Amino acid sequence: MTVNSFFKAILNKSRISRLKWHDLRSTQPVSRIFGRDRGAPIDRFYIEKFLSENRNFITGSVLEIAENRYSKQFGTGVVAYEILHVEPKDNATIVGDLTNRNTLPEGKIDCFICTQVLNFIYDFHKAIEGAHHLLKPGGVMLATVGGISQVSTYDSERWGHFWSFYPQGIERAFKDVFGKDNVKVNVYGNSLTAISFVKGMAWQELTEEELNFHDPDYPVTITVVAQKNL
């Protein structure tokens, strides 16, 4: 299945009732949990689109944090599904702290899928260094970070929601670690999807054309492909 047909299949699933747009004038959000009670969050559409478009990197020894959902969904030729957690968990294959390289194995991972994690790490610069440490020479980190967004209360109450990013800032942070020629940053979102995401609408309430129109001035989701030098 091609990338386009993959997303057309998703979009053609039955939609929930469309929101009446005058409801957006309310000072209250439609949902305080990113639209999960209405469908799927808008940023998840962009994250999965990004991973589908870069699935050629998801091979060999593949790492995710806390789970291996995307490794299994998008990976091909995966020989090891690795799961990183800061505390011992039944499903964790690596126990370590991304901000502390001494707790992490060096040069073990071919592809590190790191979606919506850096927003919740105070010292995200150290976390990028930790990710670089984990990768084999030539290994790739596929990262996504949130831009325009509501606060994630669930995360802020547990470990903190410290940052929202803009493209220039996260690009510079990655280039400082991986090198300027080894980082590619892209932006997903537009003014409509930004408003909808902040209000808590689900992506099923928007059209394919609305979701796929990209305006760099309204970064909902920022993606990073960063490769470690050989």
Protein backbone atom coordinates (compact mmCIF):
# COMPACT_ATOMS: atom_id res chain seq x y z
CA MET A 1 0.00 0.00 0.00
CA THR A 2 1.37 3.42 -0.96
CA VAL A 3 1.61 6.31 1.52
CA ASN A 4 -1.26 8.13 -0.23
CA SER A 5 -3.52 5.09 -0.26
CA PHE A 6 -2.65 4.39 3.38
CA PHE A 7 -3.90 7.79 4.47
CA LYS A 8 -6.90 7.77 2.17
CA ALA A 9 -7.93 4.51 3.83
CA ILE A 10 -7.68 6.20 7.23
CA LEU A 11 -9.58 9.29 6.13
CA ASN A 12 -12.33 7.24 4.50
CA LYS A 13 -13.23 5.61 7.82
CA SER A 14 -16.55 6.74 9.23
CA ARG A 15 -16.30 10.28 10.59
CA ILE A 16 -17.82 11.53 13.81
CA SER A 17 -20.29 14.39 13.61
CA ARG A 18 -18.63 17.60 12.50
CA LEU A 19 -18.45 20.37 15.06
CA LYS A 20 -20.51 23.50 14.52
CA TRP A 21 -17.90 26.18 14.01
CA HIS A 22 -19.69 28.82 16.06
CA ASP A 23 -18.99 26.59 19.08
CA LEU A 24 -15.34 27.64 18.83
CA ARG A 25 -16.26 31.07 20.20
CA SER A 26 -16.62 29.49 23.64
CA THR A 27 -13.81 30.10 26.13
CA GLN A 28 -13.97 26.41 27.00
CA PRO A 29 -12.23 23.78 24.84
CA VAL A 30 -14.12 21.10 22.98
CA SER A 31 -11.88 18.55 24.70
CA ARG A 32 -9.17 18.81 27.36
CA ILE A 33 -7.55 15.55 26.27
CA PHE A 34 -6.59 16.53 22.70
CA GLY A 35 -9.78 15.14 21.15
CA ARG A 36 -9.21 11.56 22.28
CA ASP A 37 -12.80 11.48 23.52
CA ARG A 38 -13.97 12.51 20.03
CA GLY A 39 -11.60 10.53 17.80
CA ALA A 40 -7.82 10.76 17.44
CA PRO A 41 -5.65 13.83 18.18
CA ILE A 42 -4.68 15.95 15.18
CA ASP A 43 -0.97 15.67 15.98
CA ARG A 44 -1.21 11.87 15.72
CA PHE A 45 -2.27 12.23 12.08
CA TYR A 46 0.92 14.19 11.39
CA ILE A 47 3.12 11.87 13.44
CA GLU A 48 1.91 8.78 11.61
CA LYS A 49 2.20 10.51 8.25
CA PHE A 50 5.82 11.38 9.07
CA LEU A 51 6.66 7.84 10.15
CA SER A 52 4.97 6.34 7.10
CA GLU A 53 6.98 8.64 4.83
CA ASN A 54 10.22 7.63 6.58
CA ARG A 55 9.52 3.97 7.18
CA ASN A 56 12.62 2.99 5.16
CA PHE A 57 14.68 3.98 8.23
CA ILE A 58 12.65 1.80 10.60
CA THR A 59 14.67 -1.38 10.32
CA GLY A 60 17.27 -3.37 12.24
CA SER A 61 17.35 -2.64 15.95
CA VAL A 62 14.51 -0.17 16.57
CA LEU A 63 13.91 1.70 19.82
CA GLU A 64 10.85 3.46 21.23
CA ILE A 65 10.04 4.84 24.66
CA ALA A 66 7.58 2.91 26.85
CA GLU A 67 6.13 0.84 23.98
CA ASN A 68 6.87 -0.53 20.51
CA ARG A 69 3.63 0.42 18.76
CA TYR A 70 5.15 2.39 15.88
CA SER A 71 8.09 0.02 15.44
CA LYS A 72 5.62 -2.74 14.69
CA GLN A 73 3.25 -0.58 12.66
CA PHE A 74 5.83 0.94 10.32
CA GLY A 75 8.96 -1.19 10.63
CA THR A 76 10.31 -3.63 8.04
CA GLY A 77 13.18 -6.03 8.61
CA VAL A 78 13.19 -5.24 12.32
CA VAL A 79 15.48 -7.67 14.18
CA ALA A 80 15.01 -6.23 17.68
CA TYR A 81 12.13 -4.26 19.19
CA GLU A 82 13.77 -2.27 21.98
CA ILE A 83 11.83 -0.31 24.61
CA LEU A 84 13.42 2.37 26.79
CA HIS A 85 12.04 3.30 30.18
CA VAL A 86 13.53 5.37 32.97
CA GLU A 87 12.32 2.79 35.54
CA PRO A 88 12.27 -1.02 35.42
CA LYS A 89 9.10 -2.16 33.65
CA ASP A 90 7.99 -5.57 32.41
CA ASN A 91 8.25 -4.52 28.77
CA ALA A 92 11.45 -2.44 29.07
CA THR A 93 14.53 -3.86 27.36
CA ILE A 94 16.67 -0.82 28.23
CA VAL A 95 16.37 0.95 31.58
CA GLY A 96 17.99 4.36 31.46
CA ASP A 97 17.63 8.13 31.44
CA LEU A 98 17.97 9.94 28.11
CA THR A 99 19.53 12.90 29.92
CA ASN A 100 22.27 10.72 31.43
CA ARG A 101 24.46 8.97 28.87
CA ASN A 102 26.09 6.88 31.59
CA THR A 103 22.82 4.97 32.02
CA LEU A 104 22.49 4.16 28.31
CA PRO A 105 24.17 1.60 26.05
CA GLU A 106 26.38 3.08 23.36
CA GLY A 107 25.95 2.38 19.65
CA LYS A 108 23.16 -0.20 20.03
CA ILE A 109 20.28 1.22 17.96
CA ASP A 110 19.71 1.53 14.19
CA CYS A 111 16.54 3.63 14.47
CA PHE A 112 15.19 5.55 17.44
CA ILE A 113 11.53 6.56 17.12
CA CYS A 114 11.02 9.36 19.63
CA THR A 115 7.56 10.90 19.29
CA GLN A 116 6.33 13.73 21.52
CA VAL A 117 8.91 13.10 24.24
CA LEU A 118 11.26 16.10 24.32
CA ASN A 119 8.44 18.49 25.33
CA PHE A 120 8.31 16.66 28.65
CA ILE A 121 12.04 16.57 29.43
CA TYR A 122 13.40 19.70 31.10
CA ASP A 123 16.99 19.23 29.89
CA PHE A 124 16.05 18.29 26.34
CA HIS A 125 19.53 19.20 25.05
CA LYS A 126 20.98 16.39 27.20
CA ALA A 127 18.23 14.07 25.95
CA ILE A 128 19.29 14.70 22.35
CA GLU A 129 22.88 13.88 23.35
CA GLY A 130 21.62 10.67 24.97
CA ALA A 131 19.77 9.70 21.79
CA HIS A 132 22.92 10.30 19.73
CA HIS A 133 24.86 8.09 22.17
CA LEU A 134 22.37 5.23 21.72
CA LEU A 135 22.60 5.18 17.92
CA LYS A 136 24.99 3.08 15.88
CA PRO A 137 27.16 4.95 13.37
CA GLY A 138 24.76 5.77 10.52
CA GLY A 139 21.78 5.24 12.80
CA VAL A 140 18.75 7.52 12.51
CA MET A 141 16.55 9.26 15.04
CA LEU A 142 12.99 9.96 13.90
CA ALA A 143 11.72 12.55 16.35
CA THR A 144 8.57 14.62 16.63
CA VAL A 145 7.89 17.50 19.01
CA GLY A 146 4.80 19.55 19.72
CA GLY A 147 4.53 23.19 18.68
CA ILE A 148 1.21 25.01 19.09
CA SER A 149 -0.66 23.04 21.72
CA GLN A 150 -2.69 22.95 24.90
CA VAL A 151 -0.90 21.74 28.03
CA SER A 152 -0.98 17.99 28.61
CA THR A 153 -2.28 17.83 32.17
CA TYR A 154 -1.63 14.09 32.38
CA ASP A 155 2.07 14.59 31.61
CA SER A 156 2.53 17.81 33.55
CA GLU A 157 1.24 16.18 36.74
CA ARG A 158 3.61 13.21 36.37
CA TRP A 159 6.90 14.51 35.00
CA GLY A 160 6.25 17.99 33.63
CA HIS A 161 5.22 19.64 30.38
CA PHE A 162 8.11 22.06 29.98
CA TRP A 163 8.32 23.14 26.36
CA SER A 164 6.54 23.95 23.12
CA PHE A 165 8.93 24.18 20.19
CA TYR A 166 9.41 26.20 17.04
CA PRO A 167 11.34 24.90 14.02
CA GLN A 168 14.43 27.08 14.35
CA GLY A 169 14.98 26.20 17.99
CA ILE A 170 14.66 22.42 17.70
CA GLU A 171 16.67 22.37 14.46
CA ARG A 172 19.56 24.21 16.10
CA ALA A 173 19.45 21.92 19.15
CA PHE A 174 19.71 18.81 16.95
CA LYS A 175 22.40 20.26 14.70
CA ASP A 176 24.51 21.11 17.75
CA VAL A 177 24.65 17.36 18.47
CA PHE A 178 24.31 15.58 15.11
CA GLY A 179 25.98 18.17 12.87
CA LYS A 180 24.44 20.69 10.51
CA ASP A 181 24.43 18.38 7.48
CA ASN A 182 22.80 15.47 9.29
CA VAL A 183 19.48 17.00 10.35
CA LYS A 184 16.30 17.54 8.37
CA VAL A 185 13.39 19.39 9.97
CA ASN A 186 9.85 19.61 8.63
CA VAL A 187 6.68 21.32 9.83
CA TYR A 188 3.10 20.06 9.76
CA GLY A 189 0.06 22.24 10.41
CA ASN A 190 -1.75 25.41 9.43
CA SER A 191 -3.89 28.03 11.15
CA LEU A 192 -7.01 25.88 10.94
CA THR A 193 -5.44 22.72 12.34
CA ALA A 194 -3.64 24.77 15.02
CA ILE A 195 -6.93 26.29 16.22
CA SER A 196 -8.64 22.92 16.02
CA PHE A 197 -5.85 21.18 17.95
CA VAL A 198 -5.81 23.80 20.71
CA LYS A 199 -9.60 23.51 21.03
CA GLY A 200 -9.38 19.73 21.28
CA MET A 201 -10.99 18.68 18.03
CA ALA A 202 -10.15 15.27 16.54
CA TRP A 203 -8.52 14.90 13.15
CA GLN A 204 -11.58 13.01 11.91
CA GLU A 205 -13.51 16.30 12.08
CA LEU A 206 -11.31 17.85 9.38
CA THR A 207 -10.92 17.04 5.71
CA GLU A 208 -7.87 15.56 4.01
CA GLU A 209 -7.23 18.87 2.24
CA GLU A 210 -7.43 20.80 5.52
CA LEU A 211 -5.05 18.45 7.31
CA ASN A 212 -2.52 18.30 4.49
CA PHE A 213 -2.24 22.05 3.85
CA HIS A 214 1.02 23.09 5.48
CA ASP A 215 1.83 26.63 6.59
CA PRO A 216 5.23 26.94 8.36
CA ASP A 217 3.96 29.88 10.41
CA TYR A 218 1.65 27.51 12.32
CA PRO A 219 3.71 24.53 13.52
CA VAL A 220 1.44 21.98 15.15
CA THR A 221 3.92 19.14 14.83
CA ILE A 222 7.63 19.49 14.03
CA THR A 223 9.50 16.46 12.74
CA VAL A 224 13.21 15.70 12.77
CA VAL A 225 15.27 13.16 10.85
CA ALA A 226 18.74 13.13 12.42
CA GLN A 227 21.50 10.73 11.35
CA LYS A 228 24.64 9.89 13.29
CA ASN A 229 27.89 10.15 11.36
CA LEU A 230 29.37 6.90 10.08
